[in-house]
Amino acid sequence: MKSSKGTSSGGRFVSVTVGRSAFTSVSAVEGIRLSRDAQGRFAEFDRKGLSPAQRRAEIIKAHSLKTK
């Protein structure tokens, strides 16, 4: 888990980034689950070793309206 410290409005805050498995667990408690398509897409991203920017671009492309 990665964290960073900073200031906001003069106060201190800590930002925490959770990993995929922790996020999945929290989401499951809230009743949120990835579709099979999304799970497959993320597995493909892992196999290809895509960067975060490349992953975002692929997600946007997958959900963009197809125009002719």
PDB file of N, CA and C in Angstrom:
ATOM      1  N   MET A   1       0.848  -1.161   0.000  1.00  0.00           N
ATOM      2  CA  MET A   1       0.000   0.000   0.000  1.00  0.00           C
ATOM      3  C   MET A   1       0.897   1.228   0.000  1.00  0.00           C
ATOM      4  N   LYS A   2       0.591   2.178  -0.868  1.00  0.00           N
ATOM      5  CA  LYS A   2       1.380   3.380  -1.008  1.00  0.00           C
ATOM      6  C   LYS A   2       0.652   4.536  -0.342  1.00  0.00           C
ATOM      7  N   SER A   3       1.367   5.365   0.381  1.00  0.00           N
ATOM      8  CA  SER A   3       0.725   6.533   0.971  1.00  0.00           C
ATOM      9  C   SER A   3       1.622   7.743   0.789  1.00  0.00           C
ATOM     10  N   SER A   4       0.998   8.905   0.812  1.00  0.00           N
ATOM     11  CA  SER A   4       1.753  10.143   0.722  1.00  0.00           C
ATOM     12  C   SER A   4       1.120  11.138   1.673  1.00  0.00           C
ATOM     13  N   LYS A   5       1.931  12.067   2.138  1.00  0.00           N
ATOM     14  CA  LYS A   5       1.423  13.068   3.073  1.00  0.00           C
ATOM     15  C   LYS A   5       1.440  14.421   2.381  1.00  0.00           C
ATOM     16  N   GLY A   6       0.521  15.263   2.747  1.00  0.00           N
ATOM     17  CA  GLY A   6       0.458  16.603   2.191  1.00  0.00           C
ATOM     18  C   GLY A   6      -0.352  17.488   3.102  1.00  0.00           C
ATOM     19  N   THR A   7      -0.602  18.709   2.661  1.00  0.00           N
ATOM     20  CA  THR A   7      -1.401  19.622   3.457  1.00  0.00           C
ATOM     21  C   THR A   7      -2.603  20.056   2.645  1.00  0.00           C
ATOM     22  N   SER A   8      -3.673  20.336   3.348  1.00  0.00           N
ATOM     23  CA  SER A   8      -4.895  20.819   2.713  1.00  0.00           C
ATOM     24  C   SER A   8      -5.534  21.830   3.649  1.00  0.00           C
ATOM     25  N   SER A   9      -5.720  23.048   3.191  1.00  0.00           N
ATOM     26  CA  SER A   9      -6.328  24.114   3.997  1.00  0.00           C
ATOM     27  C   SER A   9      -5.619  24.260   5.347  1.00  0.00           C
ATOM     28  N   GLY A  10      -4.317  24.134   5.346  1.00  0.00           N
ATOM     29  CA  GLY A  10      -3.543  24.296   6.569  1.00  0.00           C
ATOM     30  C   GLY A  10      -3.506  23.058   7.441  1.00  0.00           C
ATOM     31  N   GLY A  11      -4.372  22.079   7.198  1.00  0.00           N
ATOM     32  CA  GLY A  11      -4.383  20.848   7.989  1.00  0.00           C
ATOM     33  C   GLY A  11      -3.591  19.757   7.291  1.00  0.00           C
ATOM     34  N   ARG A  12      -3.361  18.683   7.997  1.00  0.00           N
ATOM     35  CA  ARG A  12      -2.619  17.574   7.398  1.00  0.00           C
ATOM     36  C   ARG A  12      -3.584  16.517   6.932  1.00  0.00           C
ATOM     37  N   PHE A  13      -3.257  15.867   5.854  1.00  0.00           N
ATOM     38  CA  PHE A  13      -4.053  14.751   5.384  1.00  0.00           C
ATOM     39  C   PHE A  13      -3.121  13.661   4.890  1.00  0.00           C
ATOM     40  N   VAL A  14      -3.605  12.472   4.874  1.00  0.00           N
ATOM     41  CA  VAL A  14      -2.837  11.344   4.370  1.00  0.00           C
ATOM     42  C   VAL A  14      -3.659  10.713   3.262  1.00  0.00           C
ATOM     43  N   SER A  15      -3.041  10.509   2.128  1.00  0.00           N
ATOM     44  CA  SER A  15      -3.698   9.868   0.995  1.00  0.00           C
ATOM     45  C   SER A  15      -3.193   8.435   0.917  1.00  0.00           C
ATOM     46  N   VAL A  16      -4.105   7.487   0.831  1.00  0.00           N
ATOM     47  CA  VAL A  16      -3.733   6.080   0.782  1.00  0.00           C
ATOM     48  C   VAL A  16      -4.252   5.474  -0.512  1.00  0.00           C
ATOM     49  N   THR A  17      -3.399   4.748  -1.197  1.00  0.00           N
ATOM     50  CA  THR A  17      -3.796   4.039  -2.406  1.00  0.00           C
ATOM     51  C   THR A  17      -3.864   2.559  -2.071  1.00  0.00           C
ATOM     52  N   VAL A  18      -5.035   1.962  -2.270  1.00  0.00           N
ATOM     53  CA  VAL A  18      -5.178   0.541  -1.966  1.00  0.00           C
ATOM     54  C   VAL A  18      -4.926  -0.277  -3.227  1.00  0.00           C
ATOM     55  N   GLY A  19      -4.493  -1.498  -3.030  1.00  0.00           N
ATOM     56  CA  GLY A  19      -4.245  -2.399  -4.148  1.00  0.00           C
ATOM     57  C   GLY A  19      -5.537  -2.984  -4.690  1.00  0.00           C
ATOM     58  N   ARG A  20      -5.412  -3.714  -5.795  1.00  0.00           N
ATOM     59  CA  ARG A  20      -6.575  -4.277  -6.468  1.00  0.00           C
ATOM     60  C   ARG A  20      -7.359  -5.236  -5.581  1.00  0.00           C
ATOM     61  N   SER A  21      -6.667  -6.116  -4.851  1.00  0.00           N
ATOM     62  CA  SER A  21      -7.384  -7.095  -4.028  1.00  0.00           C
ATOM     63  C   SER A  21      -8.120  -6.413  -2.877  1.00  0.00           C
ATOM     64  N   ALA A  22      -7.509  -5.409  -2.261  1.00  0.00           N
ATOM     65  CA  ALA A  22      -8.176  -4.680  -1.181  1.00  0.00           C
ATOM     66  C   ALA A  22      -9.379  -3.911  -1.725  1.00  0.00           C
ATOM     67  N   PHE A  23      -9.222  -3.303  -2.880  1.00  0.00           N
ATOM     68  CA  PHE A  23     -10.331  -2.570  -3.487  1.00  0.00           C
ATOM     69  C   PHE A  23     -11.475  -3.513  -3.839  1.00  0.00           C
ATOM     70  N   THR A  24     -11.145  -4.695  -4.337  1.00  0.00           N
ATOM     71  CA  THR A  24     -12.160  -5.696  -4.664  1.00  0.00           C
ATOM     72  C   THR A  24     -12.925  -6.109  -3.416  1.00  0.00           C
ATOM     73  N   SER A  25     -12.223  -6.294  -2.318  1.00  0.00           N
ATOM     74  CA  SER A  25     -12.868  -6.684  -1.064  1.00  0.00           C
ATOM     75  C   SER A  25     -13.816  -5.599  -0.556  1.00  0.00           C
ATOM     76  N   VAL A  26     -13.372  -4.354  -0.583  1.00  0.00           N
ATOM     77  CA  VAL A  26     -14.207  -3.246  -0.140  1.00  0.00           C
ATOM     78  C   VAL A  26     -15.425  -3.116  -1.053  1.00  0.00           C
ATOM     79  N   SER A  27     -15.214  -3.217  -2.349  1.00  0.00           N
ATOM     80  CA  SER A  27     -16.311  -3.104  -3.309  1.00  0.00           C
ATOM     81  C   SER A  27     -17.326  -4.221  -3.119  1.00  0.00           C
ATOM     82  N   ALA A  28     -16.863  -5.434  -2.833  1.00  0.00           N
ATOM     83  CA  ALA A  28     -17.765  -6.571  -2.636  1.00  0.00           C
ATOM     84  C   ALA A  28     -18.697  -6.328  -1.453  1.00  0.00           C
ATOM     85  N   VAL A  29     -18.183  -5.716  -0.393  1.00  0.00           N
ATOM     86  CA  VAL A  29     -19.008  -5.392   0.777  1.00  0.00           C
ATOM     87  C   VAL A  29     -20.114  -4.423   0.363  1.00  0.00           C
ATOM     88  N   GLU A  30     -19.798  -3.539  -0.567  1.00  0.00           N
ATOM     89  CA  GLU A  30     -20.775  -2.555  -1.038  1.00  0.00           C
ATOM     90  C   GLU A  30     -21.659  -3.108  -2.152  1.00  0.00           C
ATOM     91  N   GLY A  31     -21.431  -4.360  -2.556  1.00  0.00           N
ATOM     92  CA  GLY A  31     -22.248  -4.971  -3.604  1.00  0.00           C
ATOM     93  C   GLY A  31     -21.828  -4.603  -5.009  1.00  0.00           C
ATOM     94  N   ILE A  32     -20.602  -4.138  -5.177  1.00  0.00           N
ATOM     95  CA  ILE A  32     -20.095  -3.732  -6.491  1.00  0.00           C
ATOM     96  C   ILE A  32     -19.112  -4.795  -6.974  1.00  0.00           C
ATOM     97  N   ARG A  33     -19.336  -5.290  -8.186  1.00  0.00           N
ATOM     98  CA  ARG A  33     -18.444  -6.305  -8.758  1.00  0.00           C
ATOM     99  C   ARG A  33     -18.141  -5.970 -10.206  1.00  0.00           C
ATOM    100  N   LEU A  34     -16.938  -6.336 -10.648  1.00  0.00           N
ATOM    101  CA  LEU A  34     -16.573  -6.144 -12.050  1.00  0.00           C
ATOM    102  C   LEU A  34     -17.289  -7.175 -12.908  1.00  0.00           C
ATOM    103  N   SER A  35     -17.662  -6.761 -14.102  1.00  0.00           N
ATOM    104  CA  SER A  35     -18.245  -7.701 -15.052  1.00  0.00           C
ATOM    105  C   SER A  35     -17.154  -8.662 -15.532  1.00  0.00           C
ATOM    106  N   ARG A  36     -17.570  -9.747 -16.129  1.00  0.00           N
ATOM    107  CA  ARG A  36     -16.577 -10.690 -16.674  1.00  0.00           C
ATOM    108  C   ARG A  36     -15.734 -10.029 -17.756  1.00  0.00           C
ATOM    109  N   ASP A  37     -16.369  -9.178 -18.565  1.00  0.00           N
ATOM    110  CA  ASP A  37     -15.619  -8.459 -19.602  1.00  0.00           C
ATOM    111  C   ASP A  37     -14.525  -7.599 -18.982  1.00  0.00           C
ATOM    112  N   ALA A  38     -14.872  -6.875 -17.921  1.00  0.00           N
ATOM    113  CA  ALA A  38     -13.893  -6.006 -17.259  1.00  0.00           C
ATOM    114  C   ALA A  38     -12.782  -6.828 -16.622  1.00  0.00           C
ATOM    115  N   GLN A  39     -13.138  -7.945 -15.982  1.00  0.00           N
ATOM    116  CA  GLN A  39     -12.120  -8.807 -15.382  1.00  0.00           C
ATOM    117  C   GLN A  39     -11.151  -9.307 -16.444  1.00  0.00           C
ATOM    118  N   GLY A  40     -11.686  -9.712 -17.583  1.00  0.00           N
ATOM    119  CA  GLY A  40     -10.836 -10.180 -18.683  1.00  0.00           C
ATOM    120  C   GLY A  40      -9.958  -9.078 -19.236  1.00  0.00           C
ATOM    121  N   ARG A  41     -10.543  -7.878 -19.342  1.00  0.00           N
ATOM    122  CA  ARG A  41      -9.785  -6.731 -19.855  1.00  0.00           C
ATOM    123  C   ARG A  41      -8.611  -6.430 -18.931  1.00  0.00           C
ATOM    124  N   PHE A  42      -8.853  -6.413 -17.603  1.00  0.00           N
ATOM    125  CA  PHE A  42      -7.773  -6.109 -16.666  1.00  0.00           C
ATOM    126  C   PHE A  42      -6.709  -7.206 -16.651  1.00  0.00           C
ATOM    127  N   ALA A  43      -7.125  -8.458 -16.810  1.00  0.00           N
ATOM    128  CA  ALA A  43      -6.157  -9.554 -16.894  1.00  0.00           C
ATOM    129  C   ALA A  43      -5.274  -9.383 -18.133  1.00  0.00           C
ATOM    130  N   GLU A  44      -5.894  -8.945 -19.227  1.00  0.00           N
ATOM    131  CA  GLU A  44      -5.126  -8.699 -20.459  1.00  0.00           C
ATOM    132  C   GLU A  44      -4.135  -7.557 -20.258  1.00  0.00           C
ATOM    133  N   PHE A  45      -4.559  -6.503 -19.551  1.00  0.00           N
ATOM    134  CA  PHE A  45      -3.659  -5.388 -19.257  1.00  0.00           C
ATOM    135  C   PHE A  45      -2.440  -5.891 -18.488  1.00  0.00           C
ATOM    136  N   ASP A  46      -2.676  -6.771 -17.508  1.00  0.00           N
ATOM    137  CA  ASP A  46      -1.578  -7.329 -16.717  1.00  0.00           C
ATOM    138  C   ASP A  46      -0.642  -8.144 -17.601  1.00  0.00           C
ATOM    139  N   ARG A  47      -1.214  -8.994 -18.465  1.00  0.00           N
ATOM    140  CA  ARG A  47      -0.382  -9.823 -19.356  1.00  0.00           C
ATOM    141  C   ARG A  47       0.481  -8.962 -20.270  1.00  0.00           C
ATOM    142  N   LYS A  48      -0.100  -7.868 -20.756  1.00  0.00           N
ATOM    143  CA  LYS A  48       0.627  -6.977 -21.670  1.00  0.00           C
ATOM    144  C   LYS A  48       1.579  -6.038 -20.935  1.00  0.00           C
ATOM    145  N   GLY A  49       1.412  -5.904 -19.619  1.00  0.00           N
ATOM    146  CA  GLY A  49       2.272  -5.002 -18.844  1.00  0.00           C
ATOM    147  C   GLY A  49       2.023  -3.537 -19.158  1.00  0.00           C
ATOM    148  N   LEU A  50       0.746  -3.178 -19.401  1.00  0.00           N
ATOM    149  CA  LEU A  50       0.423  -1.800 -19.763  1.00  0.00           C
ATOM    150  C   LEU A  50       0.643  -0.841 -18.600  1.00  0.00           C
ATOM    151  N   SER A  51       1.060   0.369 -18.944  1.00  0.00           N
ATOM    152  CA  SER A  51       1.233   1.429 -17.944  1.00  0.00           C
ATOM    153  C   SER A  51      -0.148   1.954 -17.547  1.00  0.00           C
ATOM    154  N   PRO A  52      -0.230   2.686 -16.434  1.00  0.00           N
ATOM    155  CA  PRO A  52      -1.521   3.265 -16.054  1.00  0.00           C
ATOM    156  C   PRO A  52      -2.142   4.124 -17.162  1.00  0.00           C
ATOM    157  N   ALA A  53      -1.334   4.909 -17.850  1.00  0.00           N
ATOM    158  CA  ALA A  53      -1.849   5.752 -18.940  1.00  0.00           C
ATOM    159  C   ALA A  53      -2.389   4.888 -20.084  1.00  0.00           C
ATOM    160  N   GLN A  54      -1.694   3.808 -20.411  1.00  0.00           N
ATOM    161  CA  GLN A  54      -2.155   2.913 -21.475  1.00  0.00           C
ATOM    162  C   GLN A  54      -3.448   2.210 -21.063  1.00  0.00           C
ATOM    163  N   ARG A  55      -3.546   1.837 -19.788  1.00  0.00           N
ATOM    164  CA  ARG A  55      -4.774   1.197 -19.285  1.00  0.00           C
ATOM    165  C   ARG A  55      -5.952   2.161 -19.412  1.00  0.00           C
ATOM    166  N   ARG A  56      -5.742   3.406 -18.985  1.00  0.00           N
ATOM    167  CA  ARG A  56      -6.821   4.399 -19.084  1.00  0.00           C
ATOM    168  C   ARG A  56      -7.256   4.580 -20.521  1.00  0.00           C
ATOM    169  N   ALA A  57      -6.303   4.665 -21.440  1.00  0.00           N
ATOM    170  CA  ALA A  57      -6.630   4.840 -22.859  1.00  0.00           C
ATOM    171  C   ALA A  57      -7.450   3.660 -23.380  1.00  0.00           C
ATOM    172  N   GLU A  58      -7.095   2.442 -22.987  1.00  0.00           N
ATOM    173  CA  GLU A  58      -7.831   1.252 -23.423  1.00  0.00           C
ATOM    174  C   GLU A  58      -9.243   1.228 -22.847  1.00  0.00           C
ATOM    175  N   ILE A  59      -9.391   1.644 -21.599  1.00  0.00           N
ATOM    176  CA  ILE A  59     -10.720   1.683 -20.972  1.00  0.00           C
ATOM    177  C   ILE A  59     -11.593   2.719 -21.674  1.00  0.00           C
ATOM    178  N   ILE A  60     -11.036   3.883 -21.947  1.00  0.00           N
ATOM    179  CA  ILE A  60     -11.787   4.928 -22.645  1.00  0.00           C
ATOM    180  C   ILE A  60     -12.194   4.436 -24.028  1.00  0.00           C
ATOM    181  N   LYS A  61     -11.267   3.794 -24.729  1.00  0.00           N
ATOM    182  CA  LYS A  61     -11.566   3.274 -26.062  1.00  0.00           C
ATOM    183  C   LYS A  61     -12.694   2.230 -26.000  1.00  0.00           C
ATOM    184  N   ALA A  62     -12.673   1.377 -25.004  1.00  0.00           N
ATOM    185  CA  ALA A  62     -13.678   0.328 -24.877  1.00  0.00           C
ATOM    186  C   ALA A  62     -15.064   0.892 -24.589  1.00  0.00           C
ATOM    187  N   HIS A  63     -15.132   2.030 -23.925  1.00  0.00           N
ATOM    188  CA  HIS A  63     -16.427   2.599 -23.547  1.00  0.00           C
ATOM    189  C   HIS A  63     -16.850   3.785 -24.395  1.00  0.00           C
ATOM    190  N   SER A  64     -16.040   4.132 -25.387  1.00  0.00           N
ATOM    191  CA  SER A  64     -16.391   5.235 -26.278  1.00  0.00           C
ATOM    192  C   SER A  64     -17.444   4.782 -27.280  1.00  0.00           C
ATOM    193  N   LEU A  65     -18.244   5.726 -27.728  1.00  0.00           N
ATOM    194  CA  LEU A  65     -19.214   5.404 -28.761  1.00  0.00           C
ATOM    195  C   LEU A  65     -18.463   5.167 -30.069  1.00  0.00           C
ATOM    196  N   LYS A  66     -18.872   4.137 -30.747  1.00  0.00           N
ATOM    197  CA  LYS A  66     -18.249   3.818 -32.028  1.00  0.00           C
ATOM    198  C   LYS A  66     -18.944   4.652 -33.103  1.00  0.00           C
ATOM    199  N   THR A  67     -18.174   5.483 -33.795  1.00  0.00           N
ATOM    200  CA  THR A  67     -18.745   6.309 -34.870  1.00  0.00           C
ATOM    201  C   THR A  67     -18.163   5.860 -36.192  1.00  0.00           C
ATOM    202  N   LYS A  68     -18.946   6.028 -37.215  1.00  0.00           N
ATOM    203  CA  LYS A  68     -18.476   5.617 -38.566  1.00  0.00           C
ATOM    204  C   LYS A  68     -18.159   6.809 -39.405  1.00  0.00           C
TER     205      LYS A  68
END
